[in-house]
Amino acid sequence: MLVLLGCCVAAVLVPTPLLELRYFILPALLLRVHSGIDVHQRSNSVINVSISLLVNFIVLYVFVRKPFLWPDGSVARFMW
């Protein structure tokens, strides 16, 4: 089942011209559901919260510190 999930995710994500983090939300949730890991254990909850905080920090850092210029010279920011 997990191999099939990986093949389907690769088939969808490989040909995309723009790769965003939101494209990985559903595959990550499906992997979590089918992995058999008990989500109610304290250690798993701490790991999940830590990963979420890290991803949010990285996205906020990119948004604040890494603007880019449009061809007309205006400044824009990456958003997720």
Protein backbone atom coordinates (compact mmCIF):
# COMPACT_ATOMS: atom_id res chain seq x y z
CA MET A 1 0.00 0.00 0.00
CA LEU A 2 2.78 2.45 0.88
CA VAL A 3 4.63 1.68 -2.37
CA LEU A 4 1.47 2.43 -4.33
CA LEU A 5 1.02 5.69 -2.41
CA GLY A 6 4.63 6.65 -3.21
CA CYS A 7 4.15 5.88 -6.91
CA CYS A 8 0.95 7.94 -7.07
CA VAL A 9 2.57 10.89 -5.28
CA ALA A 10 5.58 10.75 -7.63
CA ALA A 11 3.31 10.54 -10.69
CA VAL A 12 1.52 13.71 -9.60
CA LEU A 13 4.49 15.74 -8.32
CA VAL A 14 7.25 14.96 -10.84
CA PRO A 15 5.67 16.69 -13.88
CA THR A 16 4.53 19.81 -11.97
CA PRO A 17 6.32 23.02 -12.97
CA LEU A 18 5.79 24.57 -9.52
CA LEU A 19 6.41 22.57 -6.35
CA GLU A 20 4.78 23.79 -3.15
CA LEU A 21 4.66 22.34 0.35
CA ARG A 22 0.88 22.12 0.29
CA TYR A 23 1.13 19.36 -2.32
CA PHE A 24 2.59 17.10 0.37
CA ILE A 25 -0.17 17.57 2.98
CA LEU A 26 -2.52 14.87 1.73
CA PRO A 27 0.23 12.29 1.05
CA ALA A 28 1.65 12.93 4.53
CA LEU A 29 -1.77 12.44 6.12
CA LEU A 30 -2.35 9.22 4.16
CA LEU A 31 1.09 7.94 5.13
CA ARG A 32 0.35 8.74 8.76
CA VAL A 33 -3.00 6.92 8.66
CA HIS A 34 -1.58 3.80 7.01
CA SER A 35 1.67 3.62 9.00
CA GLY A 36 0.04 2.11 12.10
CA ILE A 37 1.74 4.54 14.49
CA ASP A 38 -0.32 5.36 17.57
CA VAL A 39 -0.95 9.10 17.30
CA HIS A 40 -2.01 9.36 20.94
CA GLN A 41 1.38 8.51 22.41
CA ARG A 42 3.08 11.48 24.05
CA SER A 43 6.39 11.04 22.21
CA ASN A 44 4.63 10.97 18.83
CA SER A 45 2.67 14.10 19.72
CA VAL A 46 5.84 15.94 20.75
CA ILE A 47 7.54 14.94 17.49
CA ASN A 48 4.53 16.06 15.42
CA VAL A 49 4.33 19.42 17.17
CA SER A 50 8.08 19.93 16.79
CA ILE A 51 7.98 19.19 13.07
CA SER A 52 5.01 21.53 12.60
CA LEU A 53 6.76 24.34 14.48
CA LEU A 54 9.92 23.84 12.42
CA VAL A 55 8.03 23.96 9.12
CA ASN A 56 6.11 27.06 10.23
CA PHE A 57 9.33 28.78 11.31
CA ILE A 58 10.99 28.04 7.96
CA VAL A 59 7.97 29.31 6.01
CA LEU A 60 7.83 32.49 8.12
CA TYR A 61 11.58 33.03 7.66
CA VAL A 62 11.30 32.68 3.88
CA PHE A 63 8.32 35.04 3.82
CA VAL A 64 10.05 37.74 5.89
CA ARG A 65 13.67 37.47 4.73
CA LYS A 66 13.55 36.31 1.11
CA PRO A 67 11.52 38.69 -1.08
CA PHE A 68 11.92 38.55 -4.84
CA LEU A 69 11.62 41.11 -7.62
CA TRP A 70 9.09 41.00 -10.41
CA PRO A 71 10.32 42.01 -13.88
CA ASP A 72 8.71 45.45 -13.42
CA GLY A 73 10.84 46.05 -10.29
CA SER A 74 8.16 45.61 -7.65
CA VAL A 75 8.93 43.54 -4.56
CA ALA A 76 6.88 40.42 -3.79
CA ARG A 77 7.04 37.71 -1.15
CA PHE A 78 6.57 33.98 -1.22
CA MET A 79 3.41 32.83 0.50
CA TRP A 80 2.26 29.40 1.55
